[in-house]
Amino acid sequence: MLRHFRKYGSTATRGATFLSSVAPLAIIGGLLYAGLFVKADAEVRHVDAPAIERRDNYVSLAVPAPELVWAAGTGGKVVQSRDGGKSWVSQPTGTQHNLLGIAAWDAQHAAAVGNLGTIIVTADGGNSWTAAQSPASANPNKLFRVHIFADSAWAVGEFGALLRSTDKGQTWSRALPEKDRAWNDVFFLGQQGWLVGEFGTVMKTADGGENWHEVETANQVSLMSVAFRDAMHGVAVGLSGTVMVSADGGETWQAAPKTTRESLYSVIWDDGDSGRWLAVGDKGVMVTASAAADAWKATRISEQDLSWRTQIVKSADAYYLAGANLAVLTNGRLAIAGQAAK
């Protein structure tokens, strides 16, 4: 009996041996079953891209009402803020062409312009944007800026592009014939209007844009922006720190002494308590002057920020800035979208 037991082992021993031999097969079979027939429910999280990303450049602003801000920029992007630039939402535009200018009639109606003659408009606060009808052209007609004066919108750009819309941007007509010359900005005050462009060119109208005549100046540097504080006094700024001043309604212009070599891209008349001219441009530069525009001072918007600026707009006590980023200047503090105040 003992010899038999040693030869064949006990029943328990034989059972353990059997289990140890079949266990790996059972485990493998279970894994195959799980892999083939048991599917785990995957939890997919949708992460929305931020409205403003670091690689974006928003080069134009519109502020039709206090704290309501639109901005347009690269890749056909348009963003909107309803809290004075503290937060932003993205608005699909249907275009990927760079947008270089934006303007708004009110909280519902706005227009944006850009590369390849792109013009898009909204009539529902930016929830939807549609392509507008623009004049046919064999030229690229890159459009640089768009502004609204009274009920008319005016857009300027390459090849002498000066376009006008009187139906909130739905259709546009050409106000000047095409010419191998770029217009960079336009400004109206009543029936008087002024155009500035490359090579220091200036034009003026006295009848609301029906007729224009060229104004001779000694300046040959491209002018990028123009503004008037009344029918007689205006300032135009341009490349290499150029500042031109007029005291006779834009019929003649004199160069102001340079206070910076940085290019200036946007000038406004700030009609606050003291009243001053203010222009911004490359490397965070800001130049200012009193109403007489006879003594200019160059500073920086913020010593901690050297971003280039293409447009400045004032609303209430805030200055909104476009360019390398979007920013708001309030009481001397610069708040850049997505960053802490400086």
Protein backbone atom coordinates (compact mmCIF):
# COMPACT_ATOMS: atom_id res chain seq x y z
CA MET A 1 0.00 0.00 0.00
CA LEU A 2 2.79 2.35 0.85
CA ARG A 3 4.57 1.56 -2.37
CA HIS A 4 1.29 2.12 -4.29
CA PHE A 5 0.75 5.45 -2.55
CA ARG A 6 4.23 6.65 -3.36
CA LYS A 7 3.89 5.65 -6.98
CA TYR A 8 0.61 7.28 -7.73
CA GLY A 9 0.29 9.80 -4.87
CA SER A 10 -2.78 10.62 -2.93
CA THR A 11 -6.03 11.83 -4.43
CA ALA A 12 -5.38 15.37 -3.11
CA THR A 13 -1.94 15.38 -4.67
CA ARG A 14 -3.25 14.27 -8.02
CA GLY A 15 -5.98 16.97 -7.85
CA ALA A 16 -3.44 19.69 -7.08
CA THR A 17 -1.27 18.53 -9.94
CA PHE A 18 -4.25 18.70 -12.29
CA LEU A 19 -5.25 22.18 -11.16
CA SER A 20 -1.73 23.51 -11.51
CA SER A 21 -1.61 22.25 -15.08
CA VAL A 22 -4.93 23.68 -16.22
CA ALA A 23 -4.76 27.03 -14.36
CA PRO A 24 -2.52 28.79 -16.91
CA LEU A 25 -4.85 27.70 -19.70
CA ALA A 26 -7.83 29.12 -17.82
CA ILE A 27 -6.11 32.44 -17.23
CA ILE A 28 -5.11 32.76 -20.88
CA GLY A 29 -8.60 31.87 -22.00
CA GLY A 30 -10.09 34.47 -19.69
CA LEU A 31 -7.80 37.16 -21.03
CA LEU A 32 -8.66 36.26 -24.62
CA TYR A 33 -12.36 36.43 -23.80
CA ALA A 34 -11.99 39.80 -22.16
CA GLY A 35 -9.99 41.11 -25.07
CA LEU A 36 -12.43 39.91 -27.70
CA PHE A 37 -15.82 40.35 -26.10
CA VAL A 38 -15.55 42.73 -23.15
CA LYS A 39 -15.27 46.36 -24.25
CA ALA A 40 -14.72 49.04 -21.62
CA ASP A 41 -16.66 52.26 -22.05
CA ALA A 42 -14.07 54.95 -22.87
CA GLU A 43 -14.60 58.31 -21.20
CA VAL A 44 -13.87 60.97 -23.80
CA ARG A 45 -13.34 64.47 -22.49
CA HIS A 46 -13.79 67.37 -24.92
CA VAL A 47 -11.34 70.17 -24.24
CA ASP A 48 -12.17 73.49 -25.86
CA ALA A 49 -9.24 75.49 -27.15
CA PRO A 50 -8.86 78.84 -25.39
CA ALA A 51 -10.27 81.80 -27.29
CA ILE A 52 -6.88 83.52 -27.26
CA GLU A 53 -3.78 81.41 -27.82
CA ARG A 54 -0.16 82.51 -27.51
CA ARG A 55 0.51 82.21 -31.23
CA ASP A 56 -2.40 84.52 -32.15
CA ASN A 57 -2.01 88.13 -33.19
CA TYR A 58 -5.10 90.32 -32.99
CA VAL A 59 -4.28 93.48 -34.92
CA SER A 60 -7.54 95.42 -34.82
CA LEU A 61 -10.21 96.35 -32.27
CA ALA A 62 -13.74 97.71 -32.20
CA VAL A 63 -15.45 98.99 -29.04
CA PRO A 64 -19.03 99.95 -29.96
CA ALA A 65 -20.18 100.15 -26.33
CA PRO A 66 -18.49 100.28 -22.91
CA GLU A 67 -16.87 96.91 -22.12
CA LEU A 68 -18.08 95.38 -25.43
CA VAL A 69 -14.96 94.64 -27.47
CA TRP A 70 -14.38 92.84 -30.76
CA ALA A 71 -10.90 91.90 -31.97
CA ALA A 72 -9.81 90.44 -35.32
CA GLY A 73 -6.54 88.82 -36.33
CA THR A 74 -4.57 85.99 -37.87
CA GLY A 75 -6.20 82.93 -39.38
CA GLY A 76 -9.58 84.60 -39.71
CA LYS A 77 -10.05 84.72 -35.96
CA VAL A 78 -12.53 87.01 -34.25
CA VAL A 79 -12.99 87.14 -30.48
CA GLN A 80 -15.39 89.13 -28.35
CA SER A 81 -15.40 90.37 -24.77
CA ARG A 82 -18.42 91.66 -22.90
CA ASP A 83 -16.59 92.52 -19.69
CA GLY A 84 -13.98 95.00 -20.84
CA GLY A 85 -11.37 92.45 -21.88
CA LYS A 86 -11.37 90.30 -18.73
CA SER A 87 -12.67 87.26 -20.63
CA TRP A 88 -13.03 86.42 -24.31
CA VAL A 89 -15.05 84.06 -26.48
CA SER A 90 -14.19 82.93 -30.01
CA GLN A 91 -16.60 83.52 -32.88
CA PRO A 92 -16.40 81.27 -35.99
CA THR A 93 -16.04 83.44 -39.09
CA GLY A 94 -15.93 80.93 -41.94
CA THR A 95 -12.62 82.29 -43.26
CA GLN A 96 -8.98 81.46 -42.64
CA HIS A 97 -7.64 84.61 -44.27
CA ASN A 98 -5.87 86.98 -41.91
CA LEU A 99 -8.18 89.75 -40.75
CA LEU A 100 -6.49 93.15 -40.44
CA GLY A 101 -9.36 95.48 -39.54
CA ILE A 102 -12.66 95.37 -37.66
CA ALA A 103 -15.32 98.00 -36.93
CA ALA A 104 -18.80 97.92 -35.39
CA TRP A 105 -21.94 100.00 -35.74
CA ASP A 106 -23.45 98.66 -32.51
CA ALA A 107 -23.62 95.51 -30.40
CA GLN A 108 -25.19 93.53 -33.26
CA HIS A 109 -23.60 94.82 -36.48
CA ALA A 110 -19.89 94.67 -37.33
CA ALA A 111 -17.58 94.19 -40.31
CA ALA A 112 -14.05 92.80 -40.61
CA VAL A 113 -11.62 93.00 -43.55
CA GLY A 114 -8.34 91.37 -44.49
CA ASN A 115 -6.25 89.48 -47.01
CA LEU A 116 -7.40 88.84 -50.59
CA GLY A 117 -10.10 91.48 -50.28
CA THR A 118 -11.89 89.52 -47.56
CA ILE A 119 -14.92 91.26 -46.06
CA ILE A 120 -17.15 89.51 -43.53
CA VAL A 121 -20.11 90.95 -41.64
CA THR A 122 -22.38 90.03 -38.76
CA ALA A 123 -25.89 91.20 -37.90
CA ASP A 124 -26.39 89.08 -34.77
CA GLY A 125 -23.61 90.12 -32.44
CA GLY A 126 -21.06 87.80 -34.01
CA ASN A 127 -22.95 84.53 -33.58
CA SER A 128 -22.66 84.17 -37.35
CA TRP A 129 -20.46 85.88 -39.93
CA THR A 130 -21.05 85.93 -43.69
CA ALA A 131 -19.03 87.07 -46.69
CA ALA A 132 -20.06 90.47 -48.03
CA GLN A 133 -20.32 91.52 -51.65
CA SER A 134 -17.21 93.50 -52.63
CA PRO A 135 -16.16 95.09 -55.94
CA ALA A 136 -14.52 92.73 -58.44
CA SER A 137 -10.79 93.20 -58.97
CA ALA A 138 -7.91 91.49 -60.73
CA ASN A 139 -5.63 92.63 -57.88
CA PRO A 140 -5.29 90.92 -54.48
CA ASN A 141 -6.64 94.06 -52.77
CA LYS A 142 -5.48 93.25 -49.25
CA LEU A 143 -7.60 95.44 -46.98
CA PHE A 144 -5.81 96.97 -44.01
CA ARG A 145 -8.44 98.80 -42.00
CA VAL A 146 -12.14 99.48 -41.77
CA HIS A 147 -13.81 102.35 -39.90
CA ILE A 148 -17.36 103.58 -39.40
CA PHE A 149 -18.24 107.26 -39.57
CA ALA A 150 -21.91 108.20 -39.14
CA ASP A 151 -23.72 105.44 -41.07
CA SER A 152 -20.99 104.71 -43.61
CA ALA A 153 -18.22 102.14 -43.37
CA TRP A 154 -14.92 102.80 -45.14
CA ALA A 155 -12.21 100.22 -45.88
CA VAL A 156 -8.71 100.93 -47.23
CA GLY A 157 -5.97 98.75 -48.64
CA GLU A 158 -3.64 97.86 -51.48
CA PHE A 159 -3.88 99.06 -55.09
CA GLY A 160 -5.67 102.24 -54.08
CA ALA A 161 -8.53 100.37 -52.43
CA LEU A 162 -11.03 102.76 -50.88
CA LEU A 163 -14.36 100.99 -50.41
CA ARG A 164 -17.60 102.29 -48.97
CA SER A 165 -20.71 100.61 -47.56
CA THR A 166 -23.96 102.34 -46.61
CA ASP A 167 -25.95 99.20 -45.71
CA LYS A 168 -24.07 97.97 -42.64
CA GLY A 169 -21.47 96.15 -44.68
CA GLN A 170 -23.70 94.00 -46.87
CA THR A 171 -22.47 95.58 -50.13
CA TRP A 172 -19.45 97.72 -50.98
CA SER A 173 -18.59 100.13 -53.79
CA ARG A 174 -15.30 101.60 -54.91
CA ALA A 175 -14.85 105.29 -54.02
CA LEU A 176 -11.56 105.73 -55.92
CA PRO A 177 -10.20 103.98 -59.00
CA GLU A 178 -7.58 101.29 -58.50
CA LYS A 179 -4.00 102.49 -58.54
CA ASP A 180 -0.60 101.02 -57.67
CA ARG A 181 -0.56 102.68 -54.27
CA ALA A 182 -1.67 101.53 -50.83
CA TRP A 183 -3.93 103.44 -48.47
CA ASN A 184 -3.32 102.67 -44.81
CA ASP A 185 -5.99 104.67 -42.99
CA VAL A 186 -9.00 106.95 -43.43
CA PHE A 187 -10.70 109.40 -41.08
CA PHE A 188 -13.90 111.45 -41.40
CA LEU A 189 -15.25 114.39 -39.44
CA GLY A 190 -18.58 115.41 -40.90
CA GLN A 191 -18.22 115.84 -44.64
CA GLN A 192 -14.46 116.26 -44.41
CA GLY A 193 -12.28 113.20 -44.79
CA TRP A 194 -8.58 112.35 -45.05
CA LEU A 195 -6.64 109.43 -46.51
CA VAL A 196 -3.03 108.55 -45.70
CA GLY A 197 -0.81 105.94 -47.30
CA GLU A 198 2.54 104.81 -48.53
CA PHE A 199 5.27 107.28 -49.54
CA GLY A 200 3.65 109.91 -47.34
CA THR A 201 0.65 110.36 -49.61
CA VAL A 202 -2.31 112.36 -48.26
CA MET A 203 -5.71 112.99 -49.87
CA LYS A 204 -8.69 115.02 -48.70
CA THR A 205 -12.41 115.25 -49.42
CA ALA A 206 -14.81 118.06 -48.51
CA ASP A 207 -18.02 116.43 -49.74
CA GLY A 208 -18.28 113.18 -47.83
CA GLY A 209 -16.01 111.19 -50.11
CA GLU A 210 -17.58 111.96 -53.47
CA ASN A 211 -14.47 113.81 -54.66
CA TRP A 212 -10.87 113.65 -53.44
CA HIS A 213 -7.80 115.76 -54.09
CA GLU A 214 -4.18 115.02 -53.27
CA VAL A 215 -2.34 117.18 -50.74
CA GLU A 216 1.35 117.93 -51.25
CA THR A 217 3.65 117.26 -48.32
CA ALA A 218 7.42 117.22 -47.92
CA ASN A 219 7.19 113.81 -46.23
CA GLN A 220 8.09 110.67 -48.20
CA VAL A 221 7.70 108.16 -45.34
CA SER A 222 4.63 105.94 -45.35
CA LEU A 223 1.86 107.18 -43.06
CA MET A 224 -0.07 104.51 -41.16
CA SER A 225 -2.79 106.36 -39.24
CA VAL A 226 -4.59 109.71 -39.16
CA ALA A 227 -7.01 111.45 -36.77
CA PHE A 228 -8.52 114.93 -36.33
CA ARG A 229 -9.75 116.53 -33.10
CA ASP A 230 -11.79 119.17 -34.96
CA ALA A 231 -12.21 120.38 -38.51
CA MET A 232 -8.83 122.11 -38.51
CA HIS A 233 -6.40 120.16 -36.30
CA GLY A 234 -5.11 116.74 -37.23
CA VAL A 235 -2.18 114.37 -36.75
CA ALA A 236 -0.83 111.60 -38.97
CA VAL A 237 1.81 109.09 -37.85
CA GLY A 238 3.94 106.58 -39.71
CA LEU A 239 7.10 104.59 -40.06
CA SER A 240 10.36 105.47 -38.30
CA GLY A 241 8.59 107.60 -35.68
CA THR A 242 7.14 110.04 -38.23
CA VAL A 243 4.57 112.53 -36.89
CA MET A 244 2.88 115.05 -39.21
CA VAL A 245 0.69 117.87 -37.91
CA SER A 246 -1.94 120.01 -39.67
CA ALA A 247 -3.67 123.14 -38.37
CA ASP A 248 -5.63 124.06 -41.51
CA GLY A 249 -7.92 121.11 -42.09
CA GLY A 250 -5.29 118.94 -43.73
CA GLU A 251 -4.39 121.28 -46.58
CA THR A 252 -0.80 121.56 -45.34
CA TRP A 253 1.29 119.39 -43.00
CA GLN A 254 4.41 120.00 -40.95
CA ALA A 255 6.73 117.38 -39.50
CA ALA A 256 7.02 117.32 -35.72
CA PRO A 257 10.47 116.75 -34.17
CA LYS A 258 11.05 113.04 -33.76
CA THR A 259 11.05 111.60 -30.26
CA THR A 260 11.46 107.94 -31.30
CA ARG A 261 12.76 105.90 -34.21
CA GLU A 262 10.14 103.21 -33.69
CA SER A 263 7.36 103.02 -36.26
CA LEU A 264 3.96 104.34 -35.19
CA TYR A 265 0.80 102.55 -36.39
CA SER A 266 -2.18 104.17 -34.66
CA VAL A 267 -3.02 107.66 -33.41
CA ILE A 268 -6.09 108.94 -31.56
CA TRP A 269 -7.32 112.17 -30.06
CA ASP A 270 -8.03 111.48 -26.40
CA ASP A 271 -10.69 113.99 -25.35
CA GLY A 272 -10.39 113.25 -21.65
CA ASP A 273 -10.07 115.85 -18.92
CA SER A 274 -6.81 117.30 -20.19
CA GLY A 275 -7.10 116.33 -23.85
CA ARG A 276 -4.10 114.85 -25.63
CA TRP A 277 -2.84 113.12 -28.74
CA LEU A 278 -1.70 109.54 -28.26
CA ALA A 279 0.02 107.17 -30.71
CA VAL A 280 1.39 103.63 -30.34
CA GLY A 281 3.70 101.42 -32.36
CA ASP A 282 6.71 99.10 -32.25
CA LYS A 283 8.38 97.83 -29.06
CA GLY A 284 5.63 99.13 -26.80
CA VAL A 285 6.35 102.76 -27.63
CA MET A 286 3.75 105.44 -26.91
CA VAL A 287 4.08 109.08 -27.93
CA THR A 288 1.86 111.84 -26.59
CA ALA A 289 1.30 115.57 -27.05
CA SER A 290 -1.06 118.26 -25.86
CA ALA A 291 -3.87 119.60 -28.03
CA ALA A 292 -1.45 121.96 -29.80
CA ALA A 293 0.57 118.92 -30.98
CA ASP A 294 3.74 121.01 -30.78
CA ALA A 295 5.70 119.12 -28.10
CA TRP A 296 5.78 115.33 -28.26
CA LYS A 297 7.03 112.95 -25.59
CA ALA A 298 7.98 109.31 -26.10
CA THR A 299 7.42 106.75 -23.33
CA ARG A 300 6.38 103.12 -23.14
CA ILE A 301 2.94 101.76 -22.47
CA SER A 302 4.53 99.57 -19.83
CA GLU A 303 8.18 99.16 -18.95
CA GLN A 304 7.56 95.42 -18.53
CA ASP A 305 6.05 94.94 -22.00
CA LEU A 306 7.70 95.63 -25.37
CA SER A 307 4.93 94.24 -27.58
CA TRP A 308 4.26 95.94 -30.89
CA ARG A 309 0.90 97.69 -31.11
CA THR A 310 -1.16 98.26 -34.26
CA GLN A 311 -4.23 99.96 -32.84
CA ILE A 312 -5.42 101.81 -29.77
CA VAL A 313 -9.06 102.57 -28.95
CA LYS A 314 -10.35 104.46 -25.94
CA SER A 315 -13.69 103.74 -24.26
CA ALA A 316 -14.66 105.32 -20.96
CA ASP A 317 -11.48 105.22 -18.83
CA ALA A 318 -9.88 102.25 -20.58
CA TYR A 319 -7.49 102.06 -23.52
CA TYR A 320 -7.78 98.88 -25.58
CA LEU A 321 -4.69 97.76 -27.49
CA ALA A 322 -4.21 95.33 -30.37
CA GLY A 323 -1.04 93.93 -31.89
CA ALA A 324 1.25 91.20 -30.60
CA ASN A 325 -1.46 90.56 -28.00
CA LEU A 326 -4.68 92.04 -26.68
CA ALA A 327 -4.38 94.34 -23.70
CA VAL A 328 -6.25 96.90 -21.64
CA LEU A 329 -4.55 99.93 -20.09
CA THR A 330 -6.41 101.32 -17.08
CA ASN A 331 -5.00 103.82 -14.58
CA GLY A 332 -1.49 103.11 -15.79
CA ARG A 333 -1.78 99.32 -15.36
CA LEU A 334 -1.51 97.08 -18.41
CA ALA A 335 -3.54 93.87 -18.37
CA ILE A 336 -2.66 91.48 -21.21
CA ALA A 337 -5.25 88.88 -22.12
CA GLY A 338 -4.29 85.65 -20.42
CA GLN A 339 -1.60 87.26 -18.21
CA ALA A 340 -1.40 89.17 -14.95
CA ALA A 341 -1.54 92.98 -14.96
CA LYS A 342 1.76 94.86 -15.28
